[in-house]
Amino acid sequence: MKLPKIKDLCIKLGESNKATYAVVAIAAAKGIFRPIFTLADKHEKKETKKYAAAREGLTEVVAIPTYLGVGKLSEVIAGKLKGLSPEKMEVAKHNANFLGVCVAALFVIPALASLVTKPFSKKVQNSSNAEHKLDIKENAVPENIVPKNKVSVKKPYNYVSMEGFLPAKPEITKVGAPW
């Protein structure tokens, strides 16, 4: 490829530079590569990796059309402004496109992604809960009943116990945890 062709390509891309193009390119790259990197994690369980990769991919599938739609809608709204010269109208549309993309990233995409991925999350969570159900034994002792041979010792009010304290539960810190 000759240098003038690259120069012409760069000039063409620079002339019609919108914020929408940049964020759609980033969202497409994230939609492809983040699930791949998540699935390649060797230190995580297979189910967790699948769940996290699917959520990341679904989020970006929601993000791409949302960026395009909100950016275009903001341009249309800015196009209805009266009393601007054609040059200032183009600047207003360009700025409105940028603001629309920002609003989409901050508010619209998280809300839509939550709506889309919530049924998916519940389905995955219910299937994993069904696999991990415990069998109930006939002679099991309920947890809230203290056996007679254990003596309850009252401790002074200033006694601090670190017995059940965990700084972070391991199951919460997994990749793709919904909380």
N, C-alpha and C. Protein backbone atom coordinates (compact mmCIF):
# COMPACT_ATOMS: atom_id res chain seq x y z
N MET A 1 0.85 -1.18 0.00
CA MET A 1 0.00 0.00 0.00
C MET A 1 0.89 1.24 0.00
N LYS A 2 0.55 2.17 -0.83
CA LYS A 2 1.36 3.39 -0.93
C LYS A 2 1.01 4.36 0.18
N LEU A 3 1.93 5.22 0.49
CA LEU A 3 1.75 6.21 1.55
C LEU A 3 0.60 7.17 1.27
N PRO A 4 0.41 7.64 0.02
CA PRO A 4 -0.73 8.55 -0.23
C PRO A 4 -2.09 7.91 0.09
N LYS A 5 -2.22 6.60 -0.08
CA LYS A 5 -3.48 5.93 0.24
C LYS A 5 -3.76 5.98 1.74
N ILE A 6 -2.74 5.77 2.54
CA ILE A 6 -2.89 5.84 3.99
C ILE A 6 -3.24 7.27 4.41
N LYS A 7 -2.56 8.22 3.77
CA LYS A 7 -2.84 9.62 4.07
C LYS A 7 -4.28 9.98 3.73
N ASP A 8 -4.76 9.51 2.56
CA ASP A 8 -6.15 9.78 2.16
C ASP A 8 -7.14 9.14 3.14
N LEU A 9 -6.83 7.92 3.59
CA LEU A 9 -7.68 7.25 4.56
C LEU A 9 -7.75 8.02 5.87
N CYS A 10 -6.62 8.48 6.34
CA CYS A 10 -6.58 9.25 7.60
C CYS A 10 -7.34 10.56 7.46
N ILE A 11 -7.21 11.22 6.33
CA ILE A 11 -7.94 12.47 6.11
C ILE A 11 -9.43 12.20 6.08
N LYS A 12 -9.85 11.14 5.39
CA LYS A 12 -11.28 10.80 5.30
C LYS A 12 -11.85 10.48 6.68
N LEU A 13 -11.13 9.72 7.46
CA LEU A 13 -11.60 9.38 8.81
C LEU A 13 -11.66 10.61 9.70
N GLY A 14 -10.73 11.53 9.54
CA GLY A 14 -10.70 12.74 10.35
C GLY A 14 -11.80 13.72 10.01
N GLU A 15 -12.26 13.72 8.75
CA GLU A 15 -13.31 14.65 8.33
C GLU A 15 -14.65 14.33 8.97
N SER A 16 -14.96 13.06 9.08
CA SER A 16 -16.27 12.67 9.63
C SER A 16 -16.10 12.01 10.99
N ASN A 17 -15.31 12.61 11.83
CA ASN A 17 -15.03 12.04 13.13
C ASN A 17 -16.14 12.37 14.12
N LYS A 18 -16.82 11.35 14.57
CA LYS A 18 -17.87 11.51 15.58
C LYS A 18 -17.50 10.68 16.80
N ALA A 19 -18.01 11.09 17.92
CA ALA A 19 -17.76 10.33 19.15
C ALA A 19 -18.36 8.93 19.05
N THR A 20 -19.45 8.81 18.32
CA THR A 20 -20.12 7.53 18.18
C THR A 20 -19.20 6.49 17.56
N TYR A 21 -18.44 6.89 16.55
CA TYR A 21 -17.56 5.94 15.88
C TYR A 21 -16.51 5.39 16.83
N ALA A 22 -15.96 6.23 17.65
CA ALA A 22 -14.92 5.78 18.58
C ALA A 22 -15.48 4.81 19.62
N VAL A 23 -16.63 5.16 20.21
CA VAL A 23 -17.15 4.29 21.27
C VAL A 23 -17.71 2.98 20.71
N VAL A 24 -18.23 3.00 19.49
CA VAL A 24 -18.71 1.76 18.88
C VAL A 24 -17.51 0.85 18.58
N ALA A 25 -16.41 1.42 18.12
CA ALA A 25 -15.21 0.62 17.88
C ALA A 25 -14.68 0.02 19.19
N ILE A 26 -14.69 0.81 20.25
CA ILE A 26 -14.24 0.31 21.55
C ILE A 26 -15.17 -0.78 22.07
N ALA A 27 -16.49 -0.56 21.93
CA ALA A 27 -17.45 -1.56 22.39
C ALA A 27 -17.32 -2.86 21.60
N ALA A 28 -17.08 -2.76 20.30
CA ALA A 28 -16.90 -3.97 19.50
C ALA A 28 -15.65 -4.73 19.94
N ALA A 29 -14.57 -4.01 20.18
CA ALA A 29 -13.34 -4.66 20.65
C ALA A 29 -13.56 -5.31 22.02
N LYS A 30 -14.23 -4.58 22.92
CA LYS A 30 -14.51 -5.16 24.24
C LYS A 30 -15.43 -6.37 24.15
N GLY A 31 -16.41 -6.31 23.23
CA GLY A 31 -17.33 -7.43 23.07
C GLY A 31 -16.64 -8.67 22.55
N ILE A 32 -15.55 -8.50 21.83
CA ILE A 32 -14.81 -9.65 21.30
C ILE A 32 -13.74 -10.12 22.28
N PHE A 33 -12.91 -9.20 22.75
CA PHE A 33 -11.72 -9.61 23.50
C PHE A 33 -11.95 -9.87 24.98
N ARG A 34 -12.85 -9.14 25.63
CA ARG A 34 -13.05 -9.39 27.07
C ARG A 34 -13.57 -10.79 27.35
N PRO A 35 -14.57 -11.28 26.59
CA PRO A 35 -14.98 -12.68 26.84
C PRO A 35 -13.86 -13.68 26.56
N ILE A 36 -13.04 -13.41 25.55
CA ILE A 36 -11.92 -14.32 25.25
C ILE A 36 -10.94 -14.35 26.41
N PHE A 37 -10.58 -13.19 26.94
CA PHE A 37 -9.65 -13.14 28.06
C PHE A 37 -10.26 -13.75 29.32
N THR A 38 -11.54 -13.55 29.51
CA THR A 38 -12.21 -14.15 30.67
C THR A 38 -12.20 -15.67 30.57
N LEU A 39 -12.50 -16.19 29.40
CA LEU A 39 -12.50 -17.64 29.21
C LEU A 39 -11.09 -18.23 29.31
N ALA A 40 -10.08 -17.43 29.05
CA ALA A 40 -8.70 -17.92 29.12
C ALA A 40 -8.14 -17.93 30.54
N ASP A 41 -8.87 -17.42 31.51
CA ASP A 41 -8.40 -17.38 32.90
C ASP A 41 -8.30 -18.80 33.44
N LYS A 42 -7.10 -19.21 33.79
CA LYS A 42 -6.87 -20.59 34.25
C LYS A 42 -7.17 -20.79 35.73
N HIS A 43 -7.36 -19.71 36.47
CA HIS A 43 -7.54 -19.80 37.91
C HIS A 43 -9.01 -19.76 38.33
N GLU A 44 -9.91 -19.78 37.39
CA GLU A 44 -11.33 -19.64 37.70
C GLU A 44 -12.08 -20.89 37.28
N LYS A 45 -13.22 -21.12 37.92
CA LYS A 45 -14.05 -22.28 37.58
C LYS A 45 -14.66 -22.10 36.19
N LYS A 46 -14.93 -23.20 35.55
CA LYS A 46 -15.46 -23.17 34.18
C LYS A 46 -16.82 -22.48 34.11
N GLU A 47 -17.70 -22.77 35.07
CA GLU A 47 -19.03 -22.15 35.07
C GLU A 47 -18.95 -20.64 35.26
N THR A 48 -18.07 -20.22 36.14
CA THR A 48 -17.90 -18.79 36.41
C THR A 48 -17.38 -18.07 35.19
N LYS A 49 -16.42 -18.69 34.51
CA LYS A 49 -15.87 -18.08 33.30
C LYS A 49 -16.93 -17.94 32.22
N LYS A 50 -17.73 -18.98 32.04
CA LYS A 50 -18.78 -18.93 31.02
C LYS A 50 -19.80 -17.84 31.33
N TYR A 51 -20.19 -17.77 32.57
CA TYR A 51 -21.17 -16.77 33.00
C TYR A 51 -20.64 -15.35 32.79
N ALA A 52 -19.42 -15.10 33.24
CA ALA A 52 -18.83 -13.76 33.12
C ALA A 52 -18.63 -13.37 31.66
N ALA A 53 -18.15 -14.30 30.85
CA ALA A 53 -17.93 -14.01 29.43
C ALA A 53 -19.25 -13.72 28.72
N ALA A 54 -20.28 -14.46 29.04
CA ALA A 54 -21.58 -14.22 28.41
C ALA A 54 -22.15 -12.87 28.82
N ARG A 55 -22.00 -12.52 30.09
CA ARG A 55 -22.49 -11.20 30.55
C ARG A 55 -21.73 -10.06 29.88
N GLU A 56 -20.44 -10.19 29.77
CA GLU A 56 -19.64 -9.15 29.13
C GLU A 56 -20.03 -9.00 27.66
N GLY A 57 -20.20 -10.12 26.98
CA GLY A 57 -20.60 -10.08 25.57
C GLY A 57 -21.98 -9.48 25.39
N LEU A 58 -22.93 -9.88 26.25
CA LEU A 58 -24.30 -9.33 26.17
C LEU A 58 -24.31 -7.83 26.42
N THR A 59 -23.51 -7.38 27.36
CA THR A 59 -23.45 -5.95 27.65
C THR A 59 -22.98 -5.16 26.43
N GLU A 60 -21.99 -5.65 25.74
CA GLU A 60 -21.50 -4.93 24.56
C GLU A 60 -22.46 -5.06 23.38
N VAL A 61 -23.18 -6.16 23.30
CA VAL A 61 -24.21 -6.27 22.25
C VAL A 61 -25.30 -5.23 22.48
N VAL A 62 -25.61 -4.96 23.72
CA VAL A 62 -26.58 -3.90 24.05
C VAL A 62 -25.97 -2.53 23.80
N ALA A 63 -24.68 -2.37 24.09
CA ALA A 63 -24.04 -1.06 24.03
C ALA A 63 -23.94 -0.51 22.61
N ILE A 64 -23.60 -1.34 21.64
CA ILE A 64 -23.35 -0.84 20.28
C ILE A 64 -24.58 -0.16 19.68
N PRO A 65 -25.75 -0.81 19.62
CA PRO A 65 -26.90 -0.09 19.05
C PRO A 65 -27.36 1.08 19.91
N THR A 66 -27.13 1.00 21.22
CA THR A 66 -27.52 2.10 22.09
C THR A 66 -26.67 3.34 21.81
N TYR A 67 -25.37 3.16 21.66
CA TYR A 67 -24.52 4.29 21.30
C TYR A 67 -24.98 4.93 19.99
N LEU A 68 -25.22 4.09 19.00
CA LEU A 68 -25.64 4.60 17.69
C LEU A 68 -26.97 5.34 17.79
N GLY A 69 -27.94 4.74 18.48
CA GLY A 69 -29.27 5.33 18.57
C GLY A 69 -29.31 6.62 19.37
N VAL A 70 -28.68 6.62 20.53
CA VAL A 70 -28.71 7.82 21.38
C VAL A 70 -27.90 8.95 20.73
N GLY A 71 -26.79 8.60 20.09
CA GLY A 71 -26.00 9.62 19.39
C GLY A 71 -26.79 10.25 18.26
N LYS A 72 -27.49 9.43 17.47
CA LYS A 72 -28.29 9.95 16.37
C LYS A 72 -29.47 10.77 16.89
N LEU A 73 -30.12 10.30 17.94
CA LEU A 73 -31.25 11.02 18.52
C LEU A 73 -30.81 12.39 19.03
N SER A 74 -29.65 12.46 19.65
CA SER A 74 -29.17 13.75 20.15
C SER A 74 -28.85 14.70 18.99
N GLU A 75 -28.35 14.17 17.89
CA GLU A 75 -28.11 15.01 16.71
C GLU A 75 -29.42 15.55 16.14
N VAL A 76 -30.45 14.71 16.10
CA VAL A 76 -31.75 15.14 15.59
C VAL A 76 -32.32 16.24 16.47
N ILE A 77 -32.21 16.08 17.77
CA ILE A 77 -32.70 17.10 18.70
C ILE A 77 -31.94 18.40 18.50
N ALA A 78 -30.62 18.33 18.35
CA ALA A 78 -29.82 19.54 18.13
C ALA A 78 -30.15 20.17 16.78
N GLY A 79 -30.54 19.37 15.79
CA GLY A 79 -30.89 19.89 14.47
C GLY A 79 -32.16 20.72 14.48
N LYS A 80 -32.95 20.61 15.51
CA LYS A 80 -34.19 21.37 15.61
C LYS A 80 -33.98 22.76 16.23
N LEU A 81 -32.75 23.07 16.61
CA LEU A 81 -32.45 24.39 17.14
C LEU A 81 -32.64 25.44 16.04
N LYS A 82 -33.18 26.56 16.40
CA LYS A 82 -33.44 27.63 15.43
C LYS A 82 -32.43 28.75 15.60
N GLY A 83 -32.18 29.47 14.51
CA GLY A 83 -31.36 30.67 14.57
C GLY A 83 -29.87 30.44 14.52
N LEU A 84 -29.43 29.25 14.11
CA LEU A 84 -27.99 29.00 14.01
C LEU A 84 -27.56 29.00 12.55
N SER A 85 -26.38 29.49 12.32
CA SER A 85 -25.82 29.42 10.97
C SER A 85 -25.48 27.96 10.65
N PRO A 86 -25.33 27.61 9.37
CA PRO A 86 -25.01 26.22 9.03
C PRO A 86 -23.73 25.70 9.70
N GLU A 87 -22.72 26.56 9.85
CA GLU A 87 -21.48 26.13 10.50
C GLU A 87 -21.71 25.85 11.98
N LYS A 88 -22.45 26.74 12.61
CA LYS A 88 -22.74 26.54 14.04
C LYS A 88 -23.68 25.36 14.26
N MET A 89 -24.56 25.09 13.30
CA MET A 89 -25.46 23.94 13.40
C MET A 89 -24.66 22.64 13.37
N GLU A 90 -23.64 22.57 12.52
CA GLU A 90 -22.79 21.39 12.47
C GLU A 90 -22.03 21.19 13.78
N VAL A 91 -21.54 22.28 14.34
CA VAL A 91 -20.85 22.21 15.63
C VAL A 91 -21.82 21.76 16.72
N ALA A 92 -23.04 22.28 16.69
CA ALA A 92 -24.04 21.90 17.70
C ALA A 92 -24.38 20.42 17.58
N LYS A 93 -24.53 19.91 16.35
CA LYS A 93 -24.82 18.49 16.15
C LYS A 93 -23.66 17.63 16.64
N HIS A 94 -22.46 18.06 16.33
CA HIS A 94 -21.27 17.31 16.76
C HIS A 94 -21.19 17.25 18.29
N ASN A 95 -21.42 18.38 18.94
CA ASN A 95 -21.38 18.42 20.41
C ASN A 95 -22.53 17.62 21.02
N ALA A 96 -23.71 17.70 20.37
CA ALA A 96 -24.84 16.92 20.87
C ALA A 96 -24.58 15.43 20.74
N ASN A 97 -23.91 15.03 19.67
CA ASN A 97 -23.56 13.62 19.49
C ASN A 97 -22.64 13.17 20.62
N PHE A 98 -21.66 13.99 20.96
CA PHE A 98 -20.76 13.66 22.06
C PHE A 98 -21.52 13.55 23.38
N LEU A 99 -22.39 14.51 23.66
CA LEU A 99 -23.18 14.48 24.89
C LEU A 99 -24.10 13.27 24.92
N GLY A 100 -24.68 12.93 23.77
CA GLY A 100 -25.54 11.75 23.70
C GLY A 100 -24.79 10.47 24.01
N VAL A 101 -23.58 10.36 23.49
CA VAL A 101 -22.76 9.18 23.76
C VAL A 101 -22.43 9.12 25.25
N CYS A 102 -22.13 10.27 25.85
CA CYS A 102 -21.83 10.30 27.29
C CYS A 102 -23.05 9.87 28.11
N VAL A 103 -24.23 10.37 27.76
CA VAL A 103 -25.46 9.99 28.46
C VAL A 103 -25.73 8.50 28.29
N ALA A 104 -25.50 8.00 27.08
CA ALA A 104 -25.70 6.57 26.84
C ALA A 104 -24.77 5.74 27.71
N ALA A 105 -23.52 6.14 27.81
CA ALA A 105 -22.54 5.38 28.59
C ALA A 105 -22.84 5.43 30.08
N LEU A 106 -23.32 6.58 30.56
CA LEU A 106 -23.53 6.75 32.00
C LEU A 106 -24.86 6.19 32.49
N PHE A 107 -25.93 6.34 31.68
CA PHE A 107 -27.26 6.00 32.17
C PHE A 107 -27.97 4.92 31.35
N VAL A 108 -28.02 5.09 30.06
CA VAL A 108 -28.87 4.24 29.22
C VAL A 108 -28.32 2.82 29.13
N ILE A 109 -27.05 2.67 28.83
CA ILE A 109 -26.48 1.33 28.65
C ILE A 109 -26.50 0.51 29.95
N PRO A 110 -26.12 1.07 31.10
CA PRO A 110 -26.24 0.26 32.33
C PRO A 110 -27.69 -0.19 32.61
N ALA A 111 -28.65 0.69 32.35
CA ALA A 111 -30.05 0.31 32.59
C ALA A 111 -30.50 -0.77 31.62
N LEU A 112 -30.21 -0.60 30.34
CA LEU A 112 -30.61 -1.61 29.35
C LEU A 112 -29.87 -2.92 29.55
N ALA A 113 -28.59 -2.84 29.84
CA ALA A 113 -27.82 -4.07 30.06
C ALA A 113 -28.33 -4.82 31.28
N SER A 114 -28.74 -4.09 32.29
CA SER A 114 -29.31 -4.74 33.47
C SER A 114 -30.62 -5.45 33.12
N LEU A 115 -31.45 -4.79 32.32
CA LEU A 115 -32.72 -5.41 31.91
C LEU A 115 -32.50 -6.65 31.06
N VAL A 116 -31.52 -6.58 30.17
CA VAL A 116 -31.28 -7.70 29.26
C VAL A 116 -30.60 -8.86 29.98
N THR A 117 -29.64 -8.56 30.84
CA THR A 117 -28.87 -9.63 31.47
C THR A 117 -29.53 -10.19 32.73
N LYS A 118 -30.52 -9.50 33.28
CA LYS A 118 -31.16 -10.00 34.51
C LYS A 118 -31.84 -11.36 34.29
N PRO A 119 -32.64 -11.56 33.23
CA PRO A 119 -33.21 -12.90 33.02
C PRO A 119 -32.13 -13.96 32.81
N PHE A 120 -31.08 -13.59 32.11
CA PHE A 120 -29.96 -14.50 31.90
C PHE A 120 -29.32 -14.87 33.24
N SER A 121 -29.11 -13.89 34.09
CA SER A 121 -28.48 -14.12 35.39
C SER A 121 -29.34 -15.04 36.25
N LYS A 122 -30.64 -14.79 36.26
CA LYS A 122 -31.53 -15.64 37.07
C LYS A 122 -31.53 -17.07 36.55
N LYS A 123 -31.51 -17.24 35.23
CA LYS A 123 -31.51 -18.57 34.66
C LYS A 123 -30.24 -19.33 35.04
N VAL A 124 -29.11 -18.66 34.94
CA VAL A 124 -27.84 -19.29 35.29
C VAL A 124 -27.78 -19.57 36.79
N GLN A 125 -28.26 -18.62 37.60
CA GLN A 125 -28.23 -18.79 39.05
C GLN A 125 -29.14 -19.93 39.48
N ASN A 126 -30.33 -20.03 38.89
CA ASN A 126 -31.25 -21.12 39.23
C ASN A 126 -30.68 -22.47 38.83
N SER A 127 -30.02 -22.55 37.68
CA SER A 127 -29.46 -23.83 37.26
C SER A 127 -28.30 -24.23 38.17
N SER A 128 -27.50 -23.26 38.62
CA SER A 128 -26.39 -23.60 39.52
C SER A 128 -26.91 -23.96 40.91
N ASN A 129 -28.00 -23.31 41.36
CA ASN A 129 -28.58 -23.66 42.66
C ASN A 129 -29.17 -25.06 42.63
N ALA A 130 -29.76 -25.46 41.52
CA ALA A 130 -30.35 -26.79 41.42
C ALA A 130 -29.27 -27.86 41.50
N GLU A 131 -28.09 -27.57 40.97
CA GLU A 131 -27.00 -28.54 41.00
C GLU A 131 -26.41 -28.69 42.40
N HIS A 132 -26.48 -27.66 43.22
CA HIS A 132 -25.80 -27.66 44.52
C HIS A 132 -26.75 -27.83 45.70
N LYS A 133 -27.94 -28.36 45.48
CA LYS A 133 -28.86 -28.56 46.60
C LYS A 133 -28.35 -29.69 47.49
N LEU A 134 -28.53 -29.51 48.79
CA LEU A 134 -28.09 -30.51 49.76
C LEU A 134 -29.21 -31.50 50.02
N ASP A 135 -28.83 -32.73 50.28
CA ASP A 135 -29.82 -33.73 50.67
C ASP A 135 -30.13 -33.55 52.14
N ILE A 136 -31.40 -33.64 52.50
CA ILE A 136 -31.80 -33.50 53.90
C ILE A 136 -31.84 -34.90 54.50
N LYS A 137 -31.15 -35.04 55.62
CA LYS A 137 -31.09 -36.33 56.29
C LYS A 137 -32.14 -36.36 57.38
N GLU A 138 -32.62 -37.55 57.67
CA GLU A 138 -33.69 -37.70 58.65
C GLU A 138 -33.26 -37.31 60.06
N ASN A 139 -32.06 -37.66 60.46
CA ASN A 139 -31.61 -37.42 61.82
C ASN A 139 -30.72 -36.19 61.94
N ALA A 140 -30.86 -35.26 61.04
CA ALA A 140 -30.02 -34.07 61.08
C ALA A 140 -30.42 -33.16 62.23
N VAL A 141 -29.45 -32.53 62.85
CA VAL A 141 -29.70 -31.61 63.95
C VAL A 141 -29.84 -30.21 63.36
N PRO A 142 -30.94 -29.51 63.65
CA PRO A 142 -31.08 -28.14 63.13
C PRO A 142 -29.95 -27.25 63.64
N GLU A 143 -29.58 -26.28 62.85
CA GLU A 143 -28.43 -25.43 63.18
C GLU A 143 -28.68 -24.54 64.39
N ASN A 144 -29.92 -24.14 64.62
CA ASN A 144 -30.19 -23.19 65.70
C ASN A 144 -30.31 -23.84 67.07
N ILE A 145 -30.23 -25.15 67.14
CA ILE A 145 -30.31 -25.85 68.43
C ILE A 145 -28.90 -26.19 68.89
N VAL A 146 -28.57 -25.76 70.09
CA VAL A 146 -27.25 -26.03 70.66
C VAL A 146 -27.30 -27.38 71.36
N PRO A 147 -26.37 -28.28 71.06
CA PRO A 147 -26.35 -29.57 71.75
C PRO A 147 -26.17 -29.38 73.26
N LYS A 148 -26.68 -30.33 74.05
CA LYS A 148 -26.67 -30.21 75.51
C LYS A 148 -25.26 -30.22 76.10
N ASN A 149 -24.32 -30.86 75.43
CA ASN A 149 -22.98 -30.94 76.00
C ASN A 149 -22.18 -29.65 75.78
N LYS A 150 -22.66 -28.70 74.96
CA LYS A 150 -21.95 -27.43 74.77
C LYS A 150 -22.46 -26.44 75.81
N VAL A 151 -21.56 -25.75 76.44
CA VAL A 151 -21.92 -24.78 77.46
C VAL A 151 -21.76 -23.39 76.85
N SER A 152 -22.79 -22.60 76.99
CA SER A 152 -22.73 -21.24 76.48
C SER A 152 -22.01 -20.36 77.50
N VAL A 153 -20.95 -19.72 77.07
CA VAL A 153 -20.16 -18.88 77.95
C VAL A 153 -20.45 -17.43 77.60
N LYS A 154 -20.86 -16.67 78.60
CA LYS A 154 -21.09 -15.25 78.37
C LYS A 154 -19.76 -14.53 78.45
N LYS A 155 -19.56 -13.67 77.47
CA LYS A 155 -18.31 -12.94 77.41
C LYS A 155 -18.56 -11.50 77.82
N PRO A 156 -17.54 -10.82 78.32
CA PRO A 156 -17.73 -9.43 78.71
C PRO A 156 -18.09 -8.56 77.49
N TYR A 157 -18.75 -7.44 77.77
CA TYR A 157 -19.23 -6.58 76.68
C TYR A 157 -18.10 -6.01 75.83
N ASN A 158 -16.91 -5.91 76.34
CA ASN A 158 -15.81 -5.34 75.57
C ASN A 158 -14.99 -6.39 74.84
N TYR A 159 -15.44 -7.64 74.88
CA TYR A 159 -14.74 -8.71 74.19
C TYR A 159 -15.05 -8.65 72.69
N VAL A 160 -14.02 -8.61 71.88
CA VAL A 160 -14.20 -8.57 70.43
C VAL A 160 -13.77 -9.91 69.87
N SER A 161 -14.66 -10.51 69.12
CA SER A 161 -14.37 -11.81 68.53
C SER A 161 -14.18 -11.67 67.03
N MET A 162 -13.14 -12.29 66.53
CA MET A 162 -12.88 -12.31 65.10
C MET A 162 -13.22 -13.69 64.54
N GLU A 163 -13.99 -14.44 65.28
CA GLU A 163 -14.25 -15.83 64.94
C GLU A 163 -14.90 -16.00 63.56
N GLY A 164 -15.93 -15.26 63.26
CA GLY A 164 -16.63 -15.44 61.99
C GLY A 164 -16.31 -14.36 60.98
N PHE A 165 -15.28 -13.60 61.21
CA PHE A 165 -14.98 -12.46 60.33
C PHE A 165 -14.13 -12.90 59.14
N LEU A 166 -14.59 -12.54 57.95
CA LEU A 166 -13.81 -12.70 56.73
C LEU A 166 -13.76 -11.34 56.05
N PRO A 167 -12.60 -10.82 55.72
CA PRO A 167 -12.54 -9.50 55.08
C PRO A 167 -13.28 -9.48 53.74
N ALA A 168 -13.24 -10.56 53.00
CA ALA A 168 -13.99 -10.65 51.74
C ALA A 168 -14.30 -12.12 51.52
N LYS A 169 -15.56 -12.40 51.28
CA LYS A 169 -15.93 -13.79 51.04
C LYS A 169 -15.40 -14.21 49.67
N PRO A 170 -14.79 -15.37 49.58
CA PRO A 170 -14.20 -15.78 48.31
C PRO A 170 -15.22 -15.88 47.17
N GLU A 171 -16.45 -16.30 47.45
CA GLU A 171 -17.42 -16.46 46.38
C GLU A 171 -17.87 -15.12 45.82
N ILE A 172 -17.70 -14.04 46.56
CA ILE A 172 -18.10 -12.72 46.06
C ILE A 172 -17.03 -12.14 45.16
N THR A 173 -15.78 -12.52 45.35
CA THR A 173 -14.70 -11.91 44.60
C THR A 173 -14.42 -12.61 43.28
N LYS A 174 -15.27 -13.51 42.86
CA LYS A 174 -15.05 -14.21 41.61
C LYS A 174 -15.35 -13.30 40.42
N VAL A 175 -14.78 -13.65 39.29
CA VAL A 175 -15.00 -12.88 38.06
C VAL A 175 -16.47 -12.98 37.66
N GLY A 176 -17.07 -11.85 37.36
CA GLY A 176 -18.43 -11.84 36.86
C GLY A 176 -19.50 -11.95 37.92
N ALA A 177 -19.12 -11.80 39.20
CA ALA A 177 -20.13 -11.87 40.26
C ALA A 177 -21.09 -10.70 40.09
N PRO A 178 -22.41 -10.95 40.11
CA PRO A 178 -23.38 -9.89 39.83
C PRO A 178 -23.54 -8.87 40.95
N TRP A 179 -22.83 -8.98 42.04
CA TRP A 179 -22.99 -8.01 43.12
C TRP A 179 -21.74 -7.29 43.38
